[in-house]
Amino acid sequence: MEGLNPEILKEICILKMPFGKYEGTVLADLPVSYLEWFNRNGMPKGKLGMQLATIYEIKINGLMELLIPIRASLR
C-alpha cells in the first residue's frame, strides 16, 4: 500500500465508530457488510470517511495481516 501513512493504520486500530449501528466498535473491527454499505451510499465526509475507506480497502483486499503488528504494539 504505497504512500499510505502508517499513522492512519494506527488510528483505525484505536478509534471507535462514533455513530450508527456499530457505535463504539473499533474501526478495524467493523464488518465488511457495514463498510460495503458506506461504500455504496457514500462515506462520511472528512477524516472518518478516509479512515473507513482505508479499512474497507484493507478488508476487501485481504490485507488485515498488515494490522497484526500494529494491534500487537497497542496492547
Protein backbone atom coordinates (compact mmCIF):
# COMPACT_ATOMS: atom_id res chain seq x y z
CA MET A 1 0.00 0.00 0.00
CA GLU A 2 2.40 2.55 -1.33
CA GLY A 3 2.10 6.03 0.05
CA LEU A 4 -0.13 5.01 2.96
CA ASN A 5 0.53 6.96 6.13
CA PRO A 6 1.33 4.47 8.95
CA GLU A 7 -0.43 6.81 11.38
CA ILE A 8 -3.72 6.11 9.56
CA LEU A 9 -3.28 2.37 10.17
CA LYS A 10 -2.67 3.05 13.86
CA GLU A 11 -5.75 5.28 14.06
CA ILE A 12 -8.08 2.67 12.54
CA CYS A 13 -6.85 0.19 15.16
CA ILE A 14 -7.68 2.59 18.01
CA LEU A 15 -10.58 4.84 17.04
CA LYS A 16 -14.16 3.74 17.54
CA MET A 17 -17.14 4.30 15.29
CA PRO A 18 -18.81 7.44 16.65
CA PHE A 19 -22.37 6.72 15.49
CA GLY A 20 -24.75 4.20 13.95
CA LYS A 21 -25.40 0.51 14.37
CA TYR A 22 -21.78 -0.20 15.32
CA GLU A 23 -21.20 2.84 17.53
CA GLY A 24 -18.30 2.12 19.89
CA THR A 25 -16.74 -0.56 17.65
CA VAL A 26 -13.07 -0.10 16.74
CA LEU A 27 -12.93 0.87 13.05
CA ALA A 28 -10.72 -2.12 12.20
CA ASP A 29 -13.37 -4.43 13.69
CA LEU A 30 -16.30 -3.14 11.63
CA PRO A 31 -17.89 -5.84 9.49
CA VAL A 32 -17.28 -5.74 5.76
CA SER A 33 -21.03 -5.57 5.12
CA TYR A 34 -21.23 -2.28 7.05
CA LEU A 35 -18.25 -0.87 5.14
CA GLU A 36 -19.81 -2.01 1.85
CA TRP A 37 -22.97 -0.10 2.75
CA PHE A 38 -20.93 3.08 3.24
CA ASN A 39 -19.07 2.41 0.00
CA ARG A 40 -22.37 2.17 -1.90
CA ASN A 41 -24.12 5.06 -0.16
CA GLY A 42 -21.21 7.41 0.43
CA MET A 43 -18.55 7.55 3.08
CA PRO A 44 -18.85 10.23 5.75
CA LYS A 45 -17.05 13.46 4.96
CA GLY A 46 -13.64 14.26 6.35
CA LYS A 47 -11.13 12.13 8.18
CA LEU A 48 -13.63 9.49 9.32
CA GLY A 49 -14.63 8.84 5.72
CA MET A 50 -10.98 8.42 4.74
CA GLN A 51 -10.39 6.05 7.65
CA LEU A 52 -13.46 3.96 6.77
CA ALA A 53 -12.43 3.87 3.10
CA THR A 54 -8.97 2.69 4.17
CA ILE A 55 -10.23 -0.16 6.34
CA TYR A 56 -12.71 -1.09 3.60
CA GLU A 57 -9.87 -1.42 1.07
CA ILE A 58 -7.77 -3.39 3.55
CA LYS A 59 -10.60 -5.83 4.23
CA ILE A 60 -11.79 -6.39 0.66
CA ASN A 61 -8.22 -6.96 -0.50
CA GLY A 62 -7.44 -9.48 2.26
CA LEU A 63 -4.78 -7.30 3.88
CA MET A 64 -5.82 -7.50 7.53
CA GLU A 65 -2.44 -9.05 8.35
CA LEU A 66 -0.99 -5.55 7.91
CA LEU A 67 -2.73 -4.58 11.14
CA ILE A 68 -1.48 -7.51 13.27
CA PRO A 69 1.84 -5.91 14.34
CA ILE A 70 0.15 -2.54 14.87
CA ARG A 71 -2.54 -4.02 17.07
CA ALA A 72 0.03 -6.05 19.00
CA SER A 73 2.05 -2.91 19.71
CA LEU A 74 -1.04 -1.17 21.10
CA ARG A 75 -1.72 -3.80 23.75
